Amino acid sequence: MRESAFEYLNPFIIGSMVDDAKNMRTNKGELPDLLTSADKIKRFDKAFKNMLTPQERRNYILGQELTLQEITAAVTGTTLN
């Protein structure tokens, strides 16, 4: 993640993906992601935060506060729907 010149996997994007995975698993009215485990998401979240620098942690948490839909809309002007 840190070695990529283009930062394809930056903490902000990973944070938004983790947040969306948590919500997709627990929101009523949505189909659950069968490849996602709520327990494993929580374990990943905790472990990943411990590996980040303070700046990366701030970006990761900011990414969790926004949804992937909001990020996609801001970057592309369209939604994933």
N, C-alpha and C. Protein backbone atom coordinates (compact mmCIF):
# COMPACT_ATOMS: atom_id res chain seq x y z
N MET A 1 0.83 -1.18 0.00
CA MET A 1 0.00 0.00 0.00
C MET A 1 0.87 1.25 0.00
N ARG A 2 1.90 1.27 0.81
CA ARG A 2 2.74 2.47 0.92
C ARG A 2 3.69 2.62 -0.26
N GLU A 3 4.00 1.53 -0.96
CA GLU A 3 4.96 1.57 -2.06
C GLU A 3 4.33 1.94 -3.39
N SER A 4 3.03 1.91 -3.50
CA SER A 4 2.37 2.19 -4.77
C SER A 4 2.46 3.68 -5.12
N ALA A 5 2.97 3.95 -6.29
CA ALA A 5 3.09 5.35 -6.72
C ALA A 5 1.73 6.03 -6.86
N PHE A 6 0.71 5.27 -7.18
CA PHE A 6 -0.61 5.85 -7.40
C PHE A 6 -1.55 5.63 -6.22
N GLU A 7 -1.08 4.92 -5.20
CA GLU A 7 -1.86 4.66 -3.98
C GLU A 7 -3.25 4.12 -4.30
N TYR A 8 -3.29 3.05 -5.08
CA TYR A 8 -4.57 2.44 -5.41
C TYR A 8 -5.30 1.94 -4.16
N LEU A 9 -4.54 1.52 -3.17
CA LEU A 9 -5.14 0.99 -1.95
C LEU A 9 -4.86 1.92 -0.78
N ASN A 10 -5.19 3.19 -0.92
CA ASN A 10 -4.92 4.10 0.18
C ASN A 10 -5.92 3.89 1.32
N PRO A 11 -5.55 4.27 2.54
CA PRO A 11 -6.40 4.03 3.71
C PRO A 11 -7.79 4.63 3.60
N PHE A 12 -7.92 5.76 2.93
CA PHE A 12 -9.23 6.39 2.78
C PHE A 12 -10.20 5.47 2.05
N ILE A 13 -9.75 4.91 0.93
CA ILE A 13 -10.60 4.01 0.14
C ILE A 13 -10.87 2.72 0.89
N ILE A 14 -9.85 2.16 1.54
CA ILE A 14 -10.05 0.93 2.31
C ILE A 14 -11.04 1.17 3.44
N GLY A 15 -10.95 2.33 4.10
CA GLY A 15 -11.89 2.66 5.17
C GLY A 15 -13.33 2.70 4.66
N SER A 16 -13.53 3.27 3.48
CA SER A 16 -14.89 3.32 2.94
C SER A 16 -15.39 1.93 2.57
N MET A 17 -14.49 1.08 2.09
CA MET A 17 -14.88 -0.28 1.72
C MET A 17 -15.24 -1.10 2.97
N VAL A 18 -14.46 -0.93 4.04
CA VAL A 18 -14.74 -1.65 5.29
C VAL A 18 -16.07 -1.20 5.86
N ASP A 19 -16.31 0.10 5.84
CA ASP A 19 -17.58 0.62 6.35
C ASP A 19 -18.75 0.09 5.54
N ASP A 20 -18.63 0.09 4.22
CA ASP A 20 -19.71 -0.43 3.38
C ASP A 20 -19.93 -1.91 3.63
N ALA A 21 -18.86 -2.66 3.82
CA ALA A 21 -19.00 -4.10 4.10
C ALA A 21 -19.73 -4.32 5.41
N LYS A 22 -19.41 -3.52 6.42
CA LYS A 22 -20.11 -3.63 7.72
C LYS A 22 -21.60 -3.36 7.53
N ASN A 23 -21.92 -2.29 6.81
CA ASN A 23 -23.32 -1.89 6.65
C ASN A 23 -24.10 -2.86 5.77
N MET A 24 -23.48 -3.38 4.74
CA MET A 24 -24.17 -4.32 3.86
C MET A 24 -24.52 -5.60 4.61
N ARG A 25 -23.71 -5.93 5.59
CA ARG A 25 -23.93 -7.16 6.35
C ARG A 25 -25.04 -6.99 7.37
N THR A 26 -25.28 -5.75 7.85
CA THR A 26 -26.19 -5.56 8.98
C THR A 26 -27.47 -4.79 8.65
N ASN A 27 -27.52 -4.08 7.52
CA ASN A 27 -28.72 -3.29 7.20
C ASN A 27 -29.89 -4.19 6.86
N LYS A 28 -31.04 -3.88 7.42
CA LYS A 28 -32.25 -4.62 7.07
C LYS A 28 -32.72 -4.17 5.70
N GLY A 29 -33.31 -5.08 4.97
CA GLY A 29 -33.82 -4.75 3.66
C GLY A 29 -32.81 -4.93 2.54
N GLU A 30 -31.56 -5.21 2.88
CA GLU A 30 -30.55 -5.44 1.85
C GLU A 30 -30.12 -6.90 1.88
N LEU A 31 -29.76 -7.40 0.74
CA LEU A 31 -29.24 -8.76 0.70
C LEU A 31 -27.85 -8.79 1.32
N PRO A 32 -27.56 -9.75 2.18
CA PRO A 32 -26.22 -9.81 2.78
C PRO A 32 -25.19 -10.27 1.75
N ASP A 33 -23.98 -9.81 1.92
CA ASP A 33 -22.87 -10.28 1.10
C ASP A 33 -22.41 -11.61 1.67
N LEU A 34 -22.62 -12.68 0.95
CA LEU A 34 -22.33 -14.01 1.47
C LEU A 34 -20.84 -14.26 1.65
N LEU A 35 -20.00 -13.46 1.02
CA LEU A 35 -18.56 -13.62 1.16
C LEU A 35 -17.98 -12.77 2.29
N THR A 36 -18.85 -12.06 3.00
CA THR A 36 -18.42 -11.17 4.07
C THR A 36 -18.85 -11.71 5.41
N SER A 37 -17.95 -11.71 6.35
CA SER A 37 -18.25 -12.12 7.72
C SER A 37 -18.13 -10.91 8.62
N ALA A 38 -19.19 -10.60 9.37
CA ALA A 38 -19.16 -9.44 10.26
C ALA A 38 -18.02 -9.54 11.26
N ASP A 39 -17.77 -10.73 11.76
CA ASP A 39 -16.68 -10.93 12.72
C ASP A 39 -15.32 -10.66 12.08
N LYS A 40 -15.14 -11.14 10.86
CA LYS A 40 -13.86 -10.94 10.18
C LYS A 40 -13.64 -9.47 9.81
N ILE A 41 -14.71 -8.76 9.48
CA ILE A 41 -14.59 -7.34 9.17
C ILE A 41 -14.13 -6.59 10.41
N LYS A 42 -14.71 -6.91 11.57
CA LYS A 42 -14.31 -6.24 12.81
C LYS A 42 -12.86 -6.55 13.16
N ARG A 43 -12.44 -7.80 12.94
CA ARG A 43 -11.06 -8.19 13.22
C ARG A 43 -10.09 -7.48 12.27
N PHE A 44 -10.46 -7.40 10.99
CA PHE A 44 -9.63 -6.69 10.02
C PHE A 44 -9.52 -5.23 10.41
N ASP A 45 -10.63 -4.61 10.75
CA ASP A 45 -10.67 -3.19 11.12
C ASP A 45 -9.69 -2.92 12.26
N LYS A 46 -9.76 -3.71 13.30
CA LYS A 46 -8.90 -3.52 14.47
C LYS A 46 -7.42 -3.74 14.11
N ALA A 47 -7.12 -4.80 13.39
CA ALA A 47 -5.73 -5.11 13.03
C ALA A 47 -5.16 -4.06 12.08
N PHE A 48 -5.97 -3.63 11.11
CA PHE A 48 -5.49 -2.66 10.12
C PHE A 48 -5.18 -1.33 10.78
N LYS A 49 -6.02 -0.88 11.70
CA LYS A 49 -5.78 0.38 12.40
C LYS A 49 -4.45 0.35 13.15
N ASN A 50 -4.09 -0.81 13.69
CA ASN A 50 -2.84 -0.92 14.44
C ASN A 50 -1.61 -0.81 13.55
N MET A 51 -1.74 -1.05 12.26
CA MET A 51 -0.60 -0.99 11.34
C MET A 51 -0.41 0.38 10.71
N LEU A 52 -1.36 1.26 10.86
CA LEU A 52 -1.33 2.54 10.16
C LEU A 52 -0.56 3.61 10.94
N THR A 53 0.01 4.54 10.19
CA THR A 53 0.61 5.73 10.81
C THR A 53 -0.54 6.64 11.25
N PRO A 54 -0.26 7.64 12.09
CA PRO A 54 -1.35 8.54 12.52
C PRO A 54 -2.10 9.20 11.35
N GLN A 55 -1.37 9.65 10.32
CA GLN A 55 -2.03 10.27 9.17
C GLN A 55 -2.88 9.25 8.41
N GLU A 56 -2.33 8.06 8.21
CA GLU A 56 -3.09 7.02 7.52
C GLU A 56 -4.33 6.64 8.32
N ARG A 57 -4.21 6.60 9.64
CA ARG A 57 -5.36 6.26 10.50
C ARG A 57 -6.46 7.31 10.36
N ARG A 58 -6.07 8.60 10.32
CA ARG A 58 -7.07 9.66 10.13
C ARG A 58 -7.79 9.49 8.80
N ASN A 59 -7.03 9.20 7.73
CA ASN A 59 -7.64 9.00 6.42
C ASN A 59 -8.55 7.78 6.40
N TYR A 60 -8.13 6.71 7.07
CA TYR A 60 -8.93 5.49 7.16
C TYR A 60 -10.25 5.76 7.86
N ILE A 61 -10.21 6.47 8.97
CA ILE A 61 -11.43 6.79 9.71
C ILE A 61 -12.31 7.73 8.91
N LEU A 62 -11.72 8.69 8.21
CA LEU A 62 -12.50 9.58 7.34
C LEU A 62 -13.19 8.77 6.24
N GLY A 63 -12.48 7.79 5.69
CA GLY A 63 -13.07 6.92 4.68
C GLY A 63 -14.24 6.13 5.23
N GLN A 64 -14.18 5.75 6.50
CA GLN A 64 -15.28 5.01 7.12
C GLN A 64 -16.49 5.90 7.34
N GLU A 65 -16.26 7.19 7.49
CA GLU A 65 -17.38 8.11 7.72
C GLU A 65 -18.15 8.39 6.43
N LEU A 66 -17.50 8.22 5.29
CA LEU A 66 -18.17 8.40 4.01
C LEU A 66 -18.49 7.04 3.43
N THR A 67 -19.50 6.98 2.60
CA THR A 67 -19.82 5.71 1.97
C THR A 67 -19.15 5.64 0.60
N LEU A 68 -18.99 4.44 0.09
CA LEU A 68 -18.41 4.27 -1.23
C LEU A 68 -19.28 4.95 -2.29
N GLN A 69 -20.58 4.97 -2.07
CA GLN A 69 -21.49 5.67 -3.00
C GLN A 69 -21.16 7.15 -3.07
N GLU A 70 -20.92 7.78 -1.90
CA GLU A 70 -20.62 9.21 -1.87
C GLU A 70 -19.29 9.50 -2.56
N ILE A 71 -18.31 8.64 -2.35
CA ILE A 71 -17.00 8.83 -2.97
C ILE A 71 -17.11 8.68 -4.48
N THR A 72 -17.83 7.67 -4.94
CA THR A 72 -18.01 7.45 -6.38
C THR A 72 -18.74 8.63 -7.01
N ALA A 73 -19.76 9.13 -6.35
CA ALA A 73 -20.51 10.27 -6.88
C ALA A 73 -19.61 11.52 -6.96
N ALA A 74 -18.77 11.72 -5.96
CA ALA A 74 -17.89 12.89 -5.96
C ALA A 74 -16.82 12.81 -7.04
N VAL A 75 -16.28 11.61 -7.26
CA VAL A 75 -15.19 11.45 -8.23
C VAL A 75 -15.71 11.39 -9.66
N THR A 76 -16.78 10.64 -9.88
CA THR A 76 -17.24 10.40 -11.26
C THR A 76 -18.47 11.21 -11.66
N GLY A 77 -19.19 11.72 -10.67
CA GLY A 77 -20.42 12.44 -10.98
C GLY A 77 -21.60 11.51 -11.17
N THR A 78 -21.39 10.20 -10.99
CA THR A 78 -22.46 9.22 -11.12
C THR A 78 -22.46 8.31 -9.89
N THR A 79 -23.46 7.47 -9.76
CA THR A 79 -23.52 6.53 -8.63
C THR A 79 -23.29 5.11 -9.14
N LEU A 80 -23.17 4.20 -8.21
CA LEU A 80 -22.98 2.80 -8.56
C LEU A 80 -24.30 2.11 -8.92
N ASN A 81 -25.42 2.78 -8.72
CA ASN A 81 -26.72 2.19 -9.04
C ASN A 81 -26.97 2.13 -10.52
